Amino acid sequence: MNGVQCKLARVALGWGVRQLAETANVSTQTISRLERGEQLRASTLDGVRQVFEAAGIEFQWSEGGDFGIMIKKSHAMISAGV
């Protein structure tokens, strides 16, 4: 997961920086650093990624360097309260 994917996933779920930080048990500054593209410890990055995956986000990469996210429909509906 890179910083752009983090922000895409957070916005797709309707989460603010504070909500993601609390859910991932990190500081808001850590999330801001990640979204700016700064390096984080592997364990911190993994923890944030796991929070997103539990919420239904899949991170995607292609061999050509393209990247994005996919939102699992069933999780997205639950997150939105549908």
C-alpha atoms as a PDB file:
ATOM      1  CA  MET A   1       0.000   0.000   0.000  1.00  0.00           C
ATOM      2  CA  ASN A   2       1.299   3.434  -0.890  1.00  0.00           C
ATOM      3  CA  GLY A   3       0.203   6.878   0.237  1.00  0.00           C
ATOM      4  CA  VAL A   4      -2.182   7.454  -2.660  1.00  0.00           C
ATOM      5  CA  GLN A   5      -3.857   4.089  -2.075  1.00  0.00           C
ATOM      6  CA  CYS A   6      -4.186   4.928   1.614  1.00  0.00           C
ATOM      7  CA  LYS A   7      -5.973   8.175   0.860  1.00  0.00           C
ATOM      8  CA  LEU A   8      -8.167   6.559  -1.800  1.00  0.00           C
ATOM      9  CA  ALA A   9      -9.184   3.809   0.603  1.00  0.00           C
ATOM     10  CA  ARG A  10      -9.820   6.205   3.470  1.00  0.00           C
ATOM     11  CA  VAL A  11     -12.001   8.487   1.348  1.00  0.00           C
ATOM     12  CA  ALA A  12     -13.829   5.526  -0.229  1.00  0.00           C
ATOM     13  CA  LEU A  13     -14.800   4.357   3.251  1.00  0.00           C
ATOM     14  CA  GLY A  14     -15.804   7.853   4.320  1.00  0.00           C
ATOM     15  CA  TRP A  15     -13.162   7.917   7.044  1.00  0.00           C
ATOM     16  CA  GLY A  16     -11.265  10.962   8.218  1.00  0.00           C
ATOM     17  CA  VAL A  17      -7.613  10.850   9.210  1.00  0.00           C
ATOM     18  CA  ARG A  18      -8.607  10.746  12.875  1.00  0.00           C
ATOM     19  CA  GLN A  19     -10.919   7.735  12.436  1.00  0.00           C
ATOM     20  CA  LEU A  20      -8.296   5.761  10.508  1.00  0.00           C
ATOM     21  CA  ALA A  21      -5.611   6.632  13.058  1.00  0.00           C
ATOM     22  CA  GLU A  22      -7.810   5.512  15.956  1.00  0.00           C
ATOM     23  CA  THR A  23      -8.835   2.299  14.202  1.00  0.00           C
ATOM     24  CA  ALA A  24      -5.230   1.460  13.274  1.00  0.00           C
ATOM     25  CA  ASN A  25      -3.951   2.519  16.706  1.00  0.00           C
ATOM     26  CA  VAL A  26      -1.484   5.062  15.291  1.00  0.00           C
ATOM     27  CA  SER A  27      -1.230   8.845  15.463  1.00  0.00           C
ATOM     28  CA  THR A  28      -2.882  11.188  13.003  1.00  0.00           C
ATOM     29  CA  GLN A  29       0.625  12.398  12.117  1.00  0.00           C
ATOM     30  CA  THR A  30       1.510   8.843  11.064  1.00  0.00           C
ATOM     31  CA  ILE A  31      -1.436   8.734   8.658  1.00  0.00           C
ATOM     32  CA  SER A  32      -0.523  12.158   7.286  1.00  0.00           C
ATOM     33  CA  ARG A  33       3.078  11.055   6.770  1.00  0.00           C
ATOM     34  CA  LEU A  34       1.912   7.912   4.960  1.00  0.00           C
ATOM     35  CA  GLU A  35      -0.388   9.888   2.675  1.00  0.00           C
ATOM     36  CA  ARG A  36       2.477  12.293   1.847  1.00  0.00           C
ATOM     37  CA  GLY A  37       4.518   9.306   0.711  1.00  0.00           C
ATOM     38  CA  GLU A  38       6.952   9.207   3.621  1.00  0.00           C
ATOM     39  CA  GLN A  39       8.424   5.879   4.717  1.00  0.00           C
ATOM     40  CA  LEU A  40       6.900   4.150   7.739  1.00  0.00           C
ATOM     41  CA  ARG A  41       8.025   1.105   9.655  1.00  0.00           C
ATOM     42  CA  ALA A  42       6.914  -2.095   7.932  1.00  0.00           C
ATOM     43  CA  SER A  43       4.911  -3.136  11.001  1.00  0.00           C
ATOM     44  CA  THR A  44       3.054   0.204  11.085  1.00  0.00           C
ATOM     45  CA  LEU A  45       2.259   0.057   7.379  1.00  0.00           C
ATOM     46  CA  ASP A  46       1.089  -3.537   7.745  1.00  0.00           C
ATOM     47  CA  GLY A  47      -1.224  -2.595  10.613  1.00  0.00           C
ATOM     48  CA  VAL A  48      -2.876   0.179   8.598  1.00  0.00           C
ATOM     49  CA  ARG A  49      -3.216  -2.122   5.586  1.00  0.00           C
ATOM     50  CA  GLN A  50      -4.877  -4.797   7.732  1.00  0.00           C
ATOM     51  CA  VAL A  51      -7.442  -2.271   8.996  1.00  0.00           C
ATOM     52  CA  PHE A  52      -8.364  -1.400   5.427  1.00  0.00           C
ATOM     53  CA  GLU A  53      -8.523  -5.043   4.357  1.00  0.00           C
ATOM     54  CA  ALA A  54     -10.831  -5.844   7.280  1.00  0.00           C
ATOM     55  CA  ALA A  55     -13.081  -3.015   6.033  1.00  0.00           C
ATOM     56  CA  GLY A  56     -13.224  -4.543   2.537  1.00  0.00           C
ATOM     57  CA  ILE A  57     -10.462  -2.733   0.666  1.00  0.00           C
ATOM     58  CA  GLU A  58      -8.170  -4.646  -1.681  1.00  0.00           C
ATOM     59  CA  PHE A  59      -4.939  -3.045  -2.847  1.00  0.00           C
ATOM     60  CA  GLN A  60      -4.006  -3.696  -6.454  1.00  0.00           C
ATOM     61  CA  TRP A  61      -0.764  -3.403  -8.432  1.00  0.00           C
ATOM     62  CA  SER A  62       0.117  -4.158 -12.035  1.00  0.00           C
ATOM     63  CA  GLU A  63       3.457  -5.123 -13.517  1.00  0.00           C
ATOM     64  CA  GLY A  64       3.453  -1.838 -15.401  1.00  0.00           C
ATOM     65  CA  GLY A  65       3.500   0.143 -12.163  1.00  0.00           C
ATOM     66  CA  ASP A  66      -0.188   1.017 -12.108  1.00  0.00           C
ATOM     67  CA  PHE A  67      -1.970   0.764  -8.775  1.00  0.00           C
ATOM     68  CA  GLY A  68      -5.385   1.265  -7.232  1.00  0.00           C
ATOM     69  CA  ILE A  69      -7.914  -0.104  -4.816  1.00  0.00           C
ATOM     70  CA  MET A  70     -10.979  -2.297  -5.068  1.00  0.00           C
ATOM     71  CA  ILE A  71     -13.869  -2.094  -2.632  1.00  0.00           C
ATOM     72  CA  LYS A  72     -15.649  -5.312  -1.753  1.00  0.00           C
ATOM     73  CA  LYS A  73     -19.336  -4.596  -2.170  1.00  0.00           C
ATOM     74  CA  SER A  74     -20.532  -6.459   0.930  1.00  0.00           C
ATOM     75  CA  HIS A  75     -18.086  -4.614   3.194  1.00  0.00           C
ATOM     76  CA  ALA A  76     -18.765  -1.227   1.631  1.00  0.00           C
ATOM     77  CA  MET A  77     -22.488  -1.572   2.243  1.00  0.00           C
ATOM     78  CA  ILE A  78     -21.878  -2.455   5.890  1.00  0.00           C
ATOM     79  CA  SER A  79     -19.450   0.485   6.331  1.00  0.00           C
ATOM     80  CA  ALA A  80     -22.051   2.814   4.825  1.00  0.00           C
ATOM     81  CA  GLY A  81     -24.743   1.479   7.140  1.00  0.00           C
ATOM     82  CA  VAL A  82     -26.819  -0.041   4.317  1.00  0.00           C
END
